[in-house]
Every structure is written in C-alpha cells, then in structure tokens.
Amino acid sequence: MSEGTIKRLTEKGFGFISNGSGTDLFFHMSAVQGIRFEELREGQKVAYDESSGPKGPRAENVRPI
C-alpha cells in the first residue's frame, strides 16, 4: 500500500493523487473505500494500491489516512 496526497478533484467524480515522486495517479470515485468521494478534500493524505490503467498509472482502494 502506498501513500500520497490528493492533488485535484473534479465534479465529474474523479481525481488525481500526487505520490511525491512527480507522478500523478488518476482515480475514479468507485475506487474510494471507507468514505464518500464528496468527503475527500484536496491536500488530504490517502493510502492506495497502484495499478495500470489504459492511460497510465491509477490508484485503486483509495482510503483516507
């Protein structure tokens, strides 16, 4: 499990996590666990599992820390 910071959220139900190494990971609201997507905030620390998506790295099982 990796840790990062929510960099950006959109009204369309997706966002991006900064992992501290310069790579941003995409995530969809369906990947959020233990909290509603609407409760997430930019700058919030999260834990996640990294996987590959069709357009690059993405985060799964996103949980607030």
PDB file of N, CA and C in Angstrom:
ATOM      1  N   MET A   1       0.846  -1.170   0.000  1.00  0.00           N
ATOM      2  CA  MET A   1       0.000   0.000   0.000  1.00  0.00           C
ATOM      3  C   MET A   1       0.897   1.239   0.000  1.00  0.00           C
ATOM      4  N   SER A   2       0.578   2.180  -0.866  1.00  0.00           N
ATOM      5  CA  SER A   2       1.349   3.416  -0.985  1.00  0.00           C
ATOM      6  C   SER A   2       0.578   4.566  -0.367  1.00  0.00           C
ATOM      7  N   GLU A   3       1.274   5.682  -0.139  1.00  0.00           N
ATOM      8  CA  GLU A   3       0.643   6.869   0.410  1.00  0.00           C
ATOM      9  C   GLU A   3       0.900   8.060  -0.494  1.00  0.00           C
ATOM     10  N   GLY A   4      -0.041   8.986  -0.520  1.00  0.00           N
ATOM     11  CA  GLY A   4       0.093  10.184  -1.323  1.00  0.00           C
ATOM     12  C   GLY A   4      -0.864  11.255  -0.844  1.00  0.00           C
ATOM     13  N   THR A   5      -0.949  12.333  -1.616  1.00  0.00           N
ATOM     14  CA  THR A   5      -1.790  13.478  -1.291  1.00  0.00           C
ATOM     15  C   THR A   5      -2.720  13.759  -2.461  1.00  0.00           C
ATOM     16  N   ILE A   6      -3.974  14.018  -2.157  1.00  0.00           N
ATOM     17  CA  ILE A   6      -4.917  14.356  -3.220  1.00  0.00           C
ATOM     18  C   ILE A   6      -4.526  15.704  -3.802  1.00  0.00           C
ATOM     19  N   LYS A   7      -4.261  15.698  -5.087  1.00  0.00           N
ATOM     20  CA  LYS A   7      -3.817  16.903  -5.779  1.00  0.00           C
ATOM     21  C   LYS A   7      -4.986  17.680  -6.364  1.00  0.00           C
ATOM     22  N   ARG A   8      -5.945  16.937  -6.953  1.00  0.00           N
ATOM     23  CA  ARG A   8      -7.071  17.610  -7.601  1.00  0.00           C
ATOM     24  C   ARG A   8      -8.280  16.694  -7.618  1.00  0.00           C
ATOM     25  N   LEU A   9      -9.460  17.283  -7.419  1.00  0.00           N
ATOM     26  CA  LEU A   9     -10.733  16.574  -7.502  1.00  0.00           C
ATOM     27  C   LEU A   9     -11.618  17.305  -8.498  1.00  0.00           C
ATOM     28  N   THR A  10     -12.477  16.564  -9.190  1.00  0.00           N
ATOM     29  CA  THR A  10     -13.389  17.190 -10.138  1.00  0.00           C
ATOM     30  C   THR A  10     -14.833  16.890  -9.751  1.00  0.00           C
ATOM     31  N   GLU A  11     -15.733  17.647 -10.306  1.00  0.00           N
ATOM     32  CA  GLU A  11     -17.160  17.430 -10.058  1.00  0.00           C
ATOM     33  C   GLU A  11     -17.683  16.209 -10.810  1.00  0.00           C
ATOM     34  N   LYS A  12     -16.899  15.693 -11.741  1.00  0.00           N
ATOM     35  CA  LYS A  12     -17.311  14.535 -12.538  1.00  0.00           C
ATOM     36  C   LYS A  12     -17.002  13.208 -11.857  1.00  0.00           C
ATOM     37  N   GLY A  13     -16.414  13.236 -10.646  1.00  0.00           N
ATOM     38  CA  GLY A  13     -16.195  12.007  -9.900  1.00  0.00           C
ATOM     39  C   GLY A  13     -14.839  11.367 -10.085  1.00  0.00           C
ATOM     40  N   PHE A  14     -13.851  12.143 -10.461  1.00  0.00           N
ATOM     41  CA  PHE A  14     -12.504  11.589 -10.498  1.00  0.00           C
ATOM     42  C   PHE A  14     -11.516  12.593  -9.944  1.00  0.00           C
ATOM     43  N   GLY A  15     -10.297  12.121  -9.710  1.00  0.00           N
ATOM     44  CA  GLY A  15      -9.280  12.985  -9.146  1.00  0.00           C
ATOM     45  C   GLY A  15      -7.891  12.455  -9.444  1.00  0.00           C
ATOM     46  N   PHE A  16      -6.910  13.157  -8.878  1.00  0.00           N
ATOM     47  CA  PHE A  16      -5.509  12.791  -9.061  1.00  0.00           C
ATOM     48  C   PHE A  16      -4.798  12.828  -7.721  1.00  0.00           C
ATOM     49  N   ILE A  17      -3.913  11.859  -7.522  1.00  0.00           N
ATOM     50  CA  ILE A  17      -3.115  11.751  -6.302  1.00  0.00           C
ATOM     51  C   ILE A  17      -1.663  11.975  -6.671  1.00  0.00           C
ATOM     52  N   SER A  18      -0.992  12.840  -5.920  1.00  0.00           N
ATOM     53  CA  SER A  18       0.441  13.051  -6.079  1.00  0.00           C
ATOM     54  C   SER A  18       1.149  12.083  -5.141  1.00  0.00           C
ATOM     55  N   ASN A  19       2.084  11.300  -5.702  1.00  0.00           N
ATOM     56  CA  ASN A  19       2.768  10.311  -4.869  1.00  0.00           C
ATOM     57  C   ASN A  19       4.116  10.802  -4.350  1.00  0.00           C
ATOM     58  N   GLY A  20       4.459  12.054  -4.591  1.00  0.00           N
ATOM     59  CA  GLY A  20       5.694  12.625  -4.069  1.00  0.00           C
ATOM     60  C   GLY A  20       6.899  12.421  -4.963  1.00  0.00           C
ATOM     61  N   SER A  21       6.799  11.583  -5.989  1.00  0.00           N
ATOM     62  CA  SER A  21       7.933  11.354  -6.887  1.00  0.00           C
ATOM     63  C   SER A  21       7.716  12.004  -8.246  1.00  0.00           C
ATOM     64  N   GLY A  22       6.711  12.884  -8.329  1.00  0.00           N
ATOM     65  CA  GLY A  22       6.462  13.581  -9.583  1.00  0.00           C
ATOM     66  C   GLY A  22       5.444  12.909 -10.485  1.00  0.00           C
ATOM     67  N   THR A  23       4.949  11.754 -10.089  1.00  0.00           N
ATOM     68  CA  THR A  23       3.946  11.053 -10.879  1.00  0.00           C
ATOM     69  C   THR A  23       2.580  11.257 -10.245  1.00  0.00           C
ATOM     70  N   ASP A  24       1.596  11.634 -11.045  1.00  0.00           N
ATOM     71  CA  ASP A  24       0.222  11.761 -10.563  1.00  0.00           C
ATOM     72  C   ASP A  24      -0.559  10.530 -10.988  1.00  0.00           C
ATOM     73  N   LEU A  25      -1.353  10.006 -10.073  1.00  0.00           N
ATOM     74  CA  LEU A  25      -2.170   8.832 -10.351  1.00  0.00           C
ATOM     75  C   LEU A  25      -3.629   9.237 -10.435  1.00  0.00           C
ATOM     76  N   PHE A  26      -4.298   8.791 -11.476  1.00  0.00           N
ATOM     77  CA  PHE A  26      -5.720   9.012 -11.673  1.00  0.00           C
ATOM     78  C   PHE A  26      -6.500   8.081 -10.753  1.00  0.00           C
ATOM     79  N   PHE A  27      -7.642   8.531 -10.249  1.00  0.00           N
ATOM     80  CA  PHE A  27      -8.572   7.622  -9.578  1.00  0.00           C
ATOM     81  C   PHE A  27     -10.005   8.052  -9.848  1.00  0.00           C
ATOM     82  N   HIS A  28     -10.897   7.071  -9.866  1.00  0.00           N
ATOM     83  CA  HIS A  28     -12.326   7.295 -10.066  1.00  0.00           C
ATOM     84  C   HIS A  28     -13.027   7.137  -8.726  1.00  0.00           C
ATOM     85  N   MET A  29     -14.160   7.779  -8.582  1.00  0.00           N
ATOM     86  CA  MET A  29     -14.890   7.722  -7.319  1.00  0.00           C
ATOM     87  C   MET A  29     -15.212   6.291  -6.890  1.00  0.00           C
ATOM     88  N   SER A  30     -15.316   5.362  -7.822  1.00  0.00           N
ATOM     89  CA  SER A  30     -15.594   3.967  -7.482  1.00  0.00           C
ATOM     90  C   SER A  30     -14.413   3.293  -6.785  1.00  0.00           C
ATOM     91  N   ALA A  31     -13.219   3.917  -6.820  1.00  0.00           N
ATOM     92  CA  ALA A  31     -12.026   3.352  -6.182  1.00  0.00           C
ATOM     93  C   ALA A  31     -11.887   3.788  -4.724  1.00  0.00           C
ATOM     94  N   VAL A  32     -12.759   4.658  -4.242  1.00  0.00           N
ATOM     95  CA  VAL A  32     -12.678   5.198  -2.886  1.00  0.00           C
ATOM     96  C   VAL A  32     -13.318   4.219  -1.902  1.00  0.00           C
ATOM     97  N   GLN A  33     -12.628   3.941  -0.795  1.00  0.00           N
ATOM     98  CA  GLN A  33     -13.083   2.996   0.227  1.00  0.00           C
ATOM     99  C   GLN A  33     -13.220   3.697   1.577  1.00  0.00           C
ATOM    100  N   GLY A  34     -14.269   3.391   2.321  1.00  0.00           N
ATOM    101  CA  GLY A  34     -14.414   3.858   3.703  1.00  0.00           C
ATOM    102  C   GLY A  34     -14.875   5.293   3.864  1.00  0.00           C
ATOM    103  N   ILE A  35     -15.098   5.990   2.778  1.00  0.00           N
ATOM    104  CA  ILE A  35     -15.523   7.390   2.815  1.00  0.00           C
ATOM    105  C   ILE A  35     -16.188   7.688   1.475  1.00  0.00           C
ATOM    106  N   ARG A  36     -17.101   8.625   1.457  1.00  0.00           N
ATOM    107  CA  ARG A  36     -17.710   9.025   0.190  1.00  0.00           C
ATOM    108  C   ARG A  36     -16.763   9.945  -0.572  1.00  0.00           C
ATOM    109  N   PHE A  37     -16.799   9.880  -1.883  1.00  0.00           N
ATOM    110  CA  PHE A  37     -15.947  10.728  -2.725  1.00  0.00           C
ATOM    111  C   PHE A  37     -16.124  12.203  -2.361  1.00  0.00           C
ATOM    112  N   GLU A  38     -17.360  12.606  -2.084  1.00  0.00           N
ATOM    113  CA  GLU A  38     -17.660  14.002  -1.779  1.00  0.00           C
ATOM    114  C   GLU A  38     -17.003  14.490  -0.485  1.00  0.00           C
ATOM    115  N   GLU A  39     -16.575  13.567   0.381  1.00  0.00           N
ATOM    116  CA  GLU A  39     -15.929  13.926   1.643  1.00  0.00           C
ATOM    117  C   GLU A  39     -14.420  14.136   1.497  1.00  0.00           C
ATOM    118  N   LEU A  40     -13.850  13.735   0.378  1.00  0.00           N
ATOM    119  CA  LEU A  40     -12.418  13.939   0.149  1.00  0.00           C
ATOM    120  C   LEU A  40     -12.127  15.411  -0.100  1.00  0.00           C
ATOM    121  N   ARG A  41     -10.935  15.841   0.261  1.00  0.00           N
ATOM    122  CA  ARG A  41     -10.508  17.227   0.079  1.00  0.00           C
ATOM    123  C   ARG A  41      -9.120  17.269  -0.554  1.00  0.00           C
ATOM    124  N   GLU A  42      -8.885  18.266  -1.380  1.00  0.00           N
ATOM    125  CA  GLU A  42      -7.555  18.456  -1.952  1.00  0.00           C
ATOM    126  C   GLU A  42      -6.578  18.712  -0.814  1.00  0.00           C
ATOM    127  N   GLY A  43      -5.398  18.099  -0.900  1.00  0.00           N
ATOM    128  CA  GLY A  43      -4.392  18.205   0.146  1.00  0.00           C
ATOM    129  C   GLY A  43      -4.492  17.118   1.206  1.00  0.00           C
ATOM    130  N   GLN A  44      -5.536  16.302   1.165  1.00  0.00           N
ATOM    131  CA  GLN A  44      -5.735  15.236   2.132  1.00  0.00           C
ATOM    132  C   GLN A  44      -4.797  14.067   1.840  1.00  0.00           C
ATOM    133  N   LYS A  45      -4.251  13.476   2.900  1.00  0.00           N
ATOM    134  CA  LYS A  45      -3.382  12.300   2.771  1.00  0.00           C
ATOM    135  C   LYS A  45      -4.240  11.048   2.608  1.00  0.00           C
ATOM    136  N   VAL A  46      -3.829  10.191   1.685  1.00  0.00           N
ATOM    137  CA  VAL A  46      -4.552   8.952   1.420  1.00  0.00           C
ATOM    138  C   VAL A  46      -3.579   7.791   1.223  1.00  0.00           C
ATOM    139  N   ALA A  47      -4.084   6.590   1.432  1.00  0.00           N
ATOM    140  CA  ALA A  47      -3.360   5.359   1.118  1.00  0.00           C
ATOM    141  C   ALA A  47      -4.079   4.731  -0.072  1.00  0.00           C
ATOM    142  N   TYR A  48      -3.338   4.014  -0.913  1.00  0.00           N
ATOM    143  CA  TYR A  48      -3.923   3.447  -2.124  1.00  0.00           C
ATOM    144  C   TYR A  48      -3.067   2.310  -2.643  1.00  0.00           C
ATOM    145  N   ASP A  49      -3.646   1.526  -3.535  1.00  0.00           N
ATOM    146  CA  ASP A  49      -2.923   0.493  -4.277  1.00  0.00           C
ATOM    147  C   ASP A  49      -2.729   1.022  -5.689  1.00  0.00           C
ATOM    148  N   GLU A  50      -1.534   0.894  -6.211  1.00  0.00           N
ATOM    149  CA  GLU A  50      -1.244   1.390  -7.561  1.00  0.00           C
ATOM    150  C   GLU A  50      -1.461   0.286  -8.589  1.00  0.00           C
ATOM    151  N   SER A  51      -2.085   0.664  -9.699  1.00  0.00           N
ATOM    152  CA  SER A  51      -2.285  -0.268 -10.803  1.00  0.00           C
ATOM    153  C   SER A  51      -2.098   0.485 -12.115  1.00  0.00           C
ATOM    154  N   SER A  52      -2.173  -0.236 -13.215  1.00  0.00           N
ATOM    155  CA  SER A  52      -2.041   0.385 -14.529  1.00  0.00           C
ATOM    156  C   SER A  52      -3.406   0.502 -15.183  1.00  0.00           C
ATOM    157  N   GLY A  53      -3.668   1.664 -15.746  1.00  0.00           N
ATOM    158  CA  GLY A  53      -4.892   1.889 -16.488  1.00  0.00           C
ATOM    159  C   GLY A  53      -4.569   2.089 -17.954  1.00  0.00           C
ATOM    160  N   PRO A  54      -5.569   2.263 -18.799  1.00  0.00           N
ATOM    161  CA  PRO A  54      -5.329   2.434 -20.230  1.00  0.00           C
ATOM    162  C   PRO A  54      -4.571   3.722 -20.573  1.00  0.00           C
ATOM    163  N   LYS A  55      -4.614   4.692 -19.671  1.00  0.00           N
ATOM    164  CA  LYS A  55      -3.933   5.964 -19.935  1.00  0.00           C
ATOM    165  C   LYS A  55      -2.784   6.224 -18.974  1.00  0.00           C
ATOM    166  N   GLY A  56      -2.339   5.202 -18.255  1.00  0.00           N
ATOM    167  CA  GLY A  56      -1.219   5.366 -17.338  1.00  0.00           C
ATOM    168  C   GLY A  56      -1.542   4.856 -15.946  1.00  0.00           C
ATOM    169  N   PRO A  57      -0.720   5.228 -14.950  1.00  0.00           N
ATOM    170  CA  PRO A  57      -0.918   4.716 -13.600  1.00  0.00           C
ATOM    171  C   PRO A  57      -2.213   5.236 -12.981  1.00  0.00           C
ATOM    172  N   ARG A  58      -2.841   4.373 -12.181  1.00  0.00           N
ATOM    173  CA  ARG A  58      -4.048   4.796 -11.489  1.00  0.00           C
ATOM    174  C   ARG A  58      -4.058   4.214 -10.084  1.00  0.00           C
ATOM    175  N   ALA A  59      -4.876   4.790  -9.228  1.00  0.00           N
ATOM    176  CA  ALA A  59      -4.985   4.348  -7.850  1.00  0.00           C
ATOM    177  C   ALA A  59      -6.288   3.583  -7.643  1.00  0.00           C
ATOM    178  N   GLU A  60      -6.207   2.513  -6.879  1.00  0.00           N
ATOM    179  CA  GLU A  60      -7.354   1.698  -6.503  1.00  0.00           C
ATOM    180  C   GLU A  60      -7.397   1.631  -4.973  1.00  0.00           C
ATOM    181  N   ASN A  61      -8.531   1.303  -4.412  1.00  0.00           N
ATOM    182  CA  ASN A  61      -8.682   1.150  -2.960  1.00  0.00           C
ATOM    183  C   ASN A  61      -8.171   2.381  -2.204  1.00  0.00           C
ATOM    184  N   VAL A  62      -8.606   3.552  -2.635  1.00  0.00           N
ATOM    185  CA  VAL A  62      -8.168   4.823  -2.039  1.00  0.00           C
ATOM    186  C   VAL A  62      -8.876   4.995  -0.700  1.00  0.00           C
ATOM    187  N   ARG A  63      -8.067   5.213   0.369  1.00  0.00           N
ATOM    188  CA  ARG A  63      -8.593   5.377   1.725  1.00  0.00           C
ATOM    189  C   ARG A  63      -7.910   6.560   2.403  1.00  0.00           C
ATOM    190  N   PRO A  64      -8.657   7.363   3.154  1.00  0.00           N
ATOM    191  CA  PRO A  64      -8.017   8.449   3.915  1.00  0.00           C
ATOM    192  C   PRO A  64      -7.127   7.876   5.008  1.00  0.00           C
ATOM    193  N   ILE A  65      -6.081   8.609   5.329  1.00  0.00           N
ATOM    194  CA  ILE A  65      -5.171   8.195   6.407  1.00  0.00           C
ATOM    195  C   ILE A  65      -5.558   8.944   7.678  1.00  0.00           C
TER     196      ILE A  65
END
